[in-house]
PDB file of all heavy atoms in Angstrom:
ATOM      1  N   PHE A   1       0.831  -1.214  -0.002  1.00  0.00           N
ATOM      2  CA  PHE A   1      -0.009   0.010   0.006  1.00  0.00           C
ATOM      3  C   PHE A   1       0.851   1.256  -0.004  1.00  0.00           C
ATOM      4  O   PHE A   1       0.573   2.221  -0.736  1.00  0.00           O
ATOM      5  CB  PHE A   1      -0.925   0.022   1.218  1.00  0.00           C
ATOM      6  CG  PHE A   1      -1.744   1.282   1.276  1.00  0.00           C
ATOM      7  CD1 PHE A   1      -2.814   1.477   0.421  1.00  0.00           C
ATOM      8  CD2 PHE A   1      -1.410   2.328   2.148  1.00  0.00           C
ATOM      9  CE1 PHE A   1      -3.564   2.665   0.436  1.00  0.00           C
ATOM     10  CE2 PHE A   1      -2.160   3.514   2.182  1.00  0.00           C
ATOM     11  CZ  PHE A   1      -3.245   3.676   1.313  1.00  0.00           C
ATOM     12  N   ALA A   2       1.916   1.279   0.811  1.00  0.00           N
ATOM     13  CA  ALA A   2       2.743   2.483   0.933  1.00  0.00           C
ATOM     14  C   ALA A   2       3.284   2.968  -0.378  1.00  0.00           C
ATOM     15  O   ALA A   2       3.388   4.190  -0.610  1.00  0.00           O
ATOM     16  CB  ALA A   2       3.896   2.229   1.910  1.00  0.00           C
ATOM     17  N   PHE A   3       3.637   2.035  -1.271  1.00  0.00           N
ATOM     18  CA  PHE A   3       4.253   2.409  -2.540  1.00  0.00           C
ATOM     19  C   PHE A   3       3.319   2.315  -3.720  1.00  0.00           C
ATOM     20  O   PHE A   3       3.751   2.244  -4.871  1.00  0.00           O
ATOM     21  CB  PHE A   3       5.517   1.551  -2.767  1.00  0.00           C
ATOM     22  CG  PHE A   3       6.553   1.775  -1.705  1.00  0.00           C
ATOM     23  CD1 PHE A   3       7.138   0.687  -1.052  1.00  0.00           C
ATOM     24  CD2 PHE A   3       6.988   3.049  -1.353  1.00  0.00           C
ATOM     25  CE1 PHE A   3       8.113   0.870  -0.084  1.00  0.00           C
ATOM     26  CE2 PHE A   3       7.933   3.229  -0.376  1.00  0.00           C
ATOM     27  CZ  PHE A   3       8.499   2.162   0.264  1.00  0.00           C
ATOM     28  N   SER A   4       2.011   2.302  -3.423  1.00  0.00           N
ATOM     29  CA  SER A   4       1.004   2.267  -4.501  1.00  0.00           C
ATOM     30  C   SER A   4       0.466   3.640  -4.789  1.00  0.00           C
ATOM     31  O   SER A   4       0.505   4.550  -3.946  1.00  0.00           O
ATOM     32  CB  SER A   4      -0.147   1.321  -4.105  1.00  0.00           C
ATOM     33  OG  SER A   4      -0.891   1.877  -3.010  1.00  0.00           O
ATOM     34  N   ALA A   5      -0.005   3.847  -6.009  1.00  0.00           N
ATOM     35  CA  ALA A   5      -0.666   5.103  -6.391  1.00  0.00           C
ATOM     36  C   ALA A   5      -2.100   5.098  -5.802  1.00  0.00           C
ATOM     37  O   ALA A   5      -2.712   4.042  -5.666  1.00  0.00           O
ATOM     38  CB  ALA A   5      -0.732   5.212  -7.891  1.00  0.00           C
ATOM     39  N   PRO A   6      -2.596   6.274  -5.396  1.00  0.00           N
ATOM     40  CA  PRO A   6      -1.975   7.585  -5.552  1.00  0.00           C
ATOM     41  C   PRO A   6      -1.141   8.031  -4.347  1.00  0.00           C
ATOM     42  O   PRO A   6      -0.534   9.080  -4.402  1.00  0.00           O
ATOM     43  CB  PRO A   6      -3.178   8.511  -5.726  1.00  0.00           C
ATOM     44  CG  PRO A   6      -4.211   7.886  -4.806  1.00  0.00           C
ATOM     45  CD  PRO A   6      -4.019   6.389  -4.956  1.00  0.00           C
ATOM     46  N   VAL A   7      -1.130   7.232  -3.281  1.00  0.00           N
ATOM     47  CA  VAL A   7      -0.533   7.721  -2.048  1.00  0.00           C
ATOM     48  C   VAL A   7       0.992   7.991  -2.195  1.00  0.00           C
ATOM     49  O   VAL A   7       1.486   8.989  -1.681  1.00  0.00           O
ATOM     50  CB  VAL A   7      -0.845   6.784  -0.855  1.00  0.00           C
ATOM     51  CG1 VAL A   7      -0.142   5.438  -1.019  1.00  0.00           C
ATOM     52  CG2 VAL A   7      -0.446   7.426   0.460  1.00  0.00           C
ATOM     53  N   ILE A   8       1.670   7.138  -2.921  1.00  0.00           N
ATOM     54  CA  ILE A   8       3.116   7.356  -3.076  1.00  0.00           C
ATOM     55  C   ILE A   8       3.383   8.594  -3.915  1.00  0.00           C
ATOM     56  O   ILE A   8       4.323   9.365  -3.664  1.00  0.00           O
ATOM     57  CB  ILE A   8       3.822   6.091  -3.654  1.00  0.00           C
ATOM     58  CG1 ILE A   8       5.344   6.295  -3.638  1.00  0.00           C
ATOM     59  CG2 ILE A   8       3.314   5.831  -5.057  1.00  0.00           C
ATOM     60  CD1 ILE A   8       5.932   6.421  -2.250  1.00  0.00           C
ATOM     61  N   ASP A   9       2.540   8.823  -4.912  1.00  0.00           N
ATOM     62  CA  ASP A   9       2.715  10.029  -5.738  1.00  0.00           C
ATOM     63  C   ASP A   9       2.415  11.279  -4.937  1.00  0.00           C
ATOM     64  O   ASP A   9       3.101  12.302  -5.084  1.00  0.00           O
ATOM     65  CB  ASP A   9       1.775   9.971  -6.953  1.00  0.00           C
ATOM     66  CG  ASP A   9       2.022   8.742  -7.791  1.00  0.00           C
ATOM     67  OD1 ASP A   9       3.203   8.440  -8.107  1.00  0.00           O
ATOM     68  OD2 ASP A   9       1.025   8.061  -8.157  1.00  0.00           O
ATOM     69  N   ASP A  10       1.438  11.199  -4.060  1.00  0.00           N
ATOM     70  CA  ASP A  10       1.100  12.377  -3.234  1.00  0.00           C
ATOM     71  C   ASP A  10       2.231  12.748  -2.288  1.00  0.00           C
ATOM     72  O   ASP A  10       2.570  13.928  -2.154  1.00  0.00           O
ATOM     73  CB  ASP A  10      -0.158  12.106  -2.432  1.00  0.00           C
ATOM     74  CG  ASP A  10      -1.425  12.078  -3.256  1.00  0.00           C
ATOM     75  OD1 ASP A  10      -1.390  12.610  -4.388  1.00  0.00           O
ATOM     76  OD2 ASP A  10      -2.447  11.506  -2.803  1.00  0.00           O
ATOM     77  N   VAL A  11       2.854  11.761  -1.671  1.00  0.00           N
ATOM     78  CA  VAL A  11       3.906  12.104  -0.681  1.00  0.00           C
ATOM     79  C   VAL A  11       5.206  12.490  -1.366  1.00  0.00           C
ATOM     80  O   VAL A  11       5.947  13.347  -0.875  1.00  0.00           O
ATOM     81  CB  VAL A  11       4.117  10.933   0.308  1.00  0.00           C
ATOM     82  CG1 VAL A  11       4.822   9.743  -0.317  1.00  0.00           C
ATOM     83  CG2 VAL A  11       4.873  11.426   1.523  1.00  0.00           C
ATOM     84  N   THR A  12       5.512  11.912  -2.525  1.00  0.00           N
ATOM     85  CA  THR A  12       6.798  12.227  -3.160  1.00  0.00           C
ATOM     86  C   THR A  12       6.732  13.464  -4.041  1.00  0.00           C
ATOM     87  O   THR A  12       7.763  13.912  -4.532  1.00  0.00           O
ATOM     88  CB  THR A  12       7.301  11.031  -4.001  1.00  0.00           C
ATOM     89  OG1 THR A  12       6.278  10.636  -4.926  1.00  0.00           O
ATOM     90  CG2 THR A  12       7.681   9.868  -3.101  1.00  0.00           C
ATOM     91  N   THR A  13       5.545  14.041  -4.189  1.00  0.00           N
ATOM     92  CA  THR A  13       5.470  15.339  -4.882  1.00  0.00           C
ATOM     93  C   THR A  13       5.072  16.452  -3.927  1.00  0.00           C
ATOM     94  O   THR A  13       4.785  17.578  -4.349  1.00  0.00           O
ATOM     95  CB  THR A  13       4.459  15.279  -6.063  1.00  0.00           C
ATOM     96  OG1 THR A  13       3.180  14.836  -5.583  1.00  0.00           O
ATOM     97  CG2 THR A  13       4.965  14.344  -7.127  1.00  0.00           C
ATOM     98  N   GLY A  14       5.042  16.134  -2.660  1.00  0.00           N
ATOM     99  CA  GLY A  14       4.804  17.165  -1.648  1.00  0.00           C
ATOM    100  C   GLY A  14       3.356  17.541  -1.412  1.00  0.00           C
ATOM    101  O   GLY A  14       3.067  18.504  -0.733  1.00  0.00           O
ATOM    102  N   ARG A  15       2.417  16.747  -1.978  1.00  0.00           N
ATOM    103  CA  ARG A  15       1.003  17.076  -1.786  1.00  0.00           C
ATOM    104  C   ARG A  15       0.531  16.682  -0.400  1.00  0.00           C
ATOM    105  O   ARG A  15      -0.424  17.275   0.142  1.00  0.00           O
ATOM    106  CB  ARG A  15       0.152  16.412  -2.851  1.00  0.00           C
ATOM    107  CG  ARG A  15       0.354  17.001  -4.244  1.00  0.00           C
ATOM    108  CD  ARG A  15      -0.720  16.524  -5.205  1.00  0.00           C
ATOM    109  NE  ARG A  15      -0.597  15.103  -5.552  1.00  0.00           N
ATOM    110  CZ  ARG A  15       0.096  14.651  -6.610  1.00  0.00           C
ATOM    111  NH1 ARG A  15       0.739  15.490  -7.371  1.00  0.00           N
ATOM    112  NH2 ARG A  15       0.091  13.373  -6.865  1.00  0.00           N
ATOM    113  N   ILE A  16       1.191  15.667   0.213  1.00  0.00           N
ATOM    114  CA  ILE A  16       0.949  15.337   1.605  1.00  0.00           C
ATOM    115  C   ILE A  16       2.305  15.205   2.291  1.00  0.00           C
ATOM    116  O   ILE A  16       3.326  14.984   1.649  1.00  0.00           O
ATOM    117  CB  ILE A  16       0.127  14.042   1.785  1.00  0.00           C
ATOM    118  CG1 ILE A  16       0.881  12.822   1.211  1.00  0.00           C
ATOM    119  CG2 ILE A  16      -1.252  14.193   1.144  1.00  0.00           C
ATOM    120  CD1 ILE A  16       0.201  11.492   1.504  1.00  0.00           C
ATOM    121  N   THR A  17       2.312  15.291   3.605  1.00  0.00           N
ATOM    122  CA  THR A  17       3.548  15.137   4.366  1.00  0.00           C
ATOM    123  C   THR A  17       3.856  13.674   4.622  1.00  0.00           C
ATOM    124  O   THR A  17       2.999  12.786   4.468  1.00  0.00           O
ATOM    125  CB  THR A  17       3.450  15.857   5.714  1.00  0.00           C
ATOM    126  OG1 THR A  17       2.456  15.197   6.519  1.00  0.00           O
ATOM    127  CG2 THR A  17       3.092  17.328   5.534  1.00  0.00           C
ATOM    128  N   ARG A  18       5.064  13.423   5.082  1.00  0.00           N
ATOM    129  CA  ARG A  18       5.464  12.071   5.439  1.00  0.00           C
ATOM    130  C   ARG A  18       4.577  11.545   6.574  1.00  0.00           C
ATOM    131  O   ARG A  18       4.123  10.395   6.575  1.00  0.00           O
ATOM    132  CB  ARG A  18       6.922  12.002   5.850  1.00  0.00           C
ATOM    133  CG  ARG A  18       7.458  10.599   6.060  1.00  0.00           C
ATOM    134  CD  ARG A  18       8.921  10.643   6.451  1.00  0.00           C
ATOM    135  NE  ARG A  18       9.509   9.308   6.471  1.00  0.00           N
ATOM    136  CZ  ARG A  18       9.350   8.441   7.452  1.00  0.00           C
ATOM    137  NH1 ARG A  18       8.634   8.770   8.547  1.00  0.00           N
ATOM    138  NH2 ARG A  18       9.932   7.238   7.407  1.00  0.00           N
ATOM    139  N   ALA A  19       4.286  12.423   7.547  1.00  0.00           N
ATOM    140  CA  ALA A  19       3.438  12.017   8.675  1.00  0.00           C
ATOM    141  C   ALA A  19       2.039  11.653   8.206  1.00  0.00           C
ATOM    142  O   ALA A  19       1.433  10.645   8.676  1.00  0.00           O
ATOM    143  CB  ALA A  19       3.358  13.150   9.690  1.00  0.00           C
ATOM    144  N   GLU A  20       1.507  12.409   7.247  1.00  0.00           N
ATOM    145  CA  GLU A  20       0.167  12.077   6.676  1.00  0.00           C
ATOM    146  C   GLU A  20       0.215  10.754   5.901  1.00  0.00           C
ATOM    147  O   GLU A  20      -0.764   9.987   5.943  1.00  0.00           O
ATOM    148  CB  GLU A  20      -0.291  13.218   5.778  1.00  0.00           C
ATOM    149  CG  GLU A  20      -0.635  14.496   6.545  1.00  0.00           C
ATOM    150  CD  GLU A  20      -0.844  15.672   5.653  1.00  0.00           C
ATOM    151  OE1 GLU A  20      -0.236  15.735   4.573  1.00  0.00           O
ATOM    152  OE2 GLU A  20      -1.662  16.570   6.047  1.00  0.00           O
ATOM    153  N   TRP A  21       1.329  10.514   5.232  1.00  0.00           N
ATOM    154  CA  TRP A  21       1.494   9.247   4.498  1.00  0.00           C
ATOM    155  C   TRP A  21       1.488   8.053   5.456  1.00  0.00           C
ATOM    156  O   TRP A  21       0.763   7.102   5.236  1.00  0.00           O
ATOM    157  CB  TRP A  21       2.840   9.339   3.743  1.00  0.00           C
ATOM    158  CG  TRP A  21       3.259   8.155   2.954  1.00  0.00           C
ATOM    159  CD1 TRP A  21       2.474   7.423   2.070  1.00  0.00           C
ATOM    160  CD2 TRP A  21       4.572   7.601   2.853  1.00  0.00           C
ATOM    161  NE1 TRP A  21       3.230   6.440   1.472  1.00  0.00           N
ATOM    162  CE2 TRP A  21       4.527   6.535   1.929  1.00  0.00           C
ATOM    163  CE3 TRP A  21       5.780   7.900   3.461  1.00  0.00           C
ATOM    164  CZ2 TRP A  21       5.656   5.779   1.606  1.00  0.00           C
ATOM    165  CZ3 TRP A  21       6.909   7.155   3.135  1.00  0.00           C
ATOM    166  CH2 TRP A  21       6.835   6.096   2.228  1.00  0.00           C
ATOM    167  N   VAL A  22       2.240   8.152   6.519  1.00  0.00           N
ATOM    168  CA  VAL A  22       2.297   7.064   7.509  1.00  0.00           C
ATOM    169  C   VAL A  22       0.927   6.850   8.123  1.00  0.00           C
ATOM    170  O   VAL A  22       0.482   5.713   8.317  1.00  0.00           O
ATOM    171  CB  VAL A  22       3.372   7.352   8.588  1.00  0.00           C
ATOM    172  CG1 VAL A  22       3.277   6.329   9.729  1.00  0.00           C
ATOM    173  CG2 VAL A  22       4.766   7.337   7.980  1.00  0.00           C
ATOM    174  N   ARG A  23       0.249   7.948   8.414  1.00  0.00           N
ATOM    175  CA  ARG A  23      -1.079   7.842   8.980  1.00  0.00           C
ATOM    176  C   ARG A  23      -2.068   7.156   8.011  1.00  0.00           C
ATOM    177  O   ARG A  23      -2.869   6.309   8.417  1.00  0.00           O
ATOM    178  CB  ARG A  23      -1.620   9.222   9.369  1.00  0.00           C
ATOM    179  CG  ARG A  23      -2.976   9.192  10.093  1.00  0.00           C
ATOM    180  CD  ARG A  23      -3.212  10.455  10.867  1.00  0.00           C
ATOM    181  NE  ARG A  23      -3.175  11.656  10.037  1.00  0.00           N
ATOM    182  CZ  ARG A  23      -2.199  12.586  10.110  1.00  0.00           C
ATOM    183  NH1 ARG A  23      -1.219  12.451  10.973  1.00  0.00           N
ATOM    184  NH2 ARG A  23      -2.237  13.647   9.327  1.00  0.00           N
ATOM    185  N   ALA A  24      -1.966   7.488   6.735  1.00  0.00           N
ATOM    186  CA  ALA A  24      -2.819   6.848   5.725  1.00  0.00           C
ATOM    187  C   ALA A  24      -2.534   5.358   5.598  1.00  0.00           C
ATOM    188  O   ALA A  24      -3.466   4.561   5.416  1.00  0.00           O
ATOM    189  CB  ALA A  24      -2.584   7.522   4.360  1.00  0.00           C
ATOM    190  N   ILE A  25      -1.258   4.985   5.745  1.00  0.00           N
ATOM    191  CA  ILE A  25      -0.900   3.553   5.712  1.00  0.00           C
ATOM    192  C   ILE A  25      -1.554   2.824   6.904  1.00  0.00           C
ATOM    193  O   ILE A  25      -2.154   1.775   6.744  1.00  0.00           O
ATOM    194  CB  ILE A  25       0.632   3.399   5.759  1.00  0.00           C
ATOM    195  CG1 ILE A  25       1.266   3.966   4.505  1.00  0.00           C
ATOM    196  CG2 ILE A  25       1.010   1.910   5.915  1.00  0.00           C
ATOM    197  CD1 ILE A  25       2.760   4.167   4.617  1.00  0.00           C
TER     198      ILE A  25
END
C-alpha cells in the first residue's frame, strides 16, 4: 500500500507530508 498510487505520488510530490503518508498507511 505504501508504494502504491496515488498515495506514493502524493507524498513524493509534496502534496501530503510524510506524517500524513504514515497515517494513511
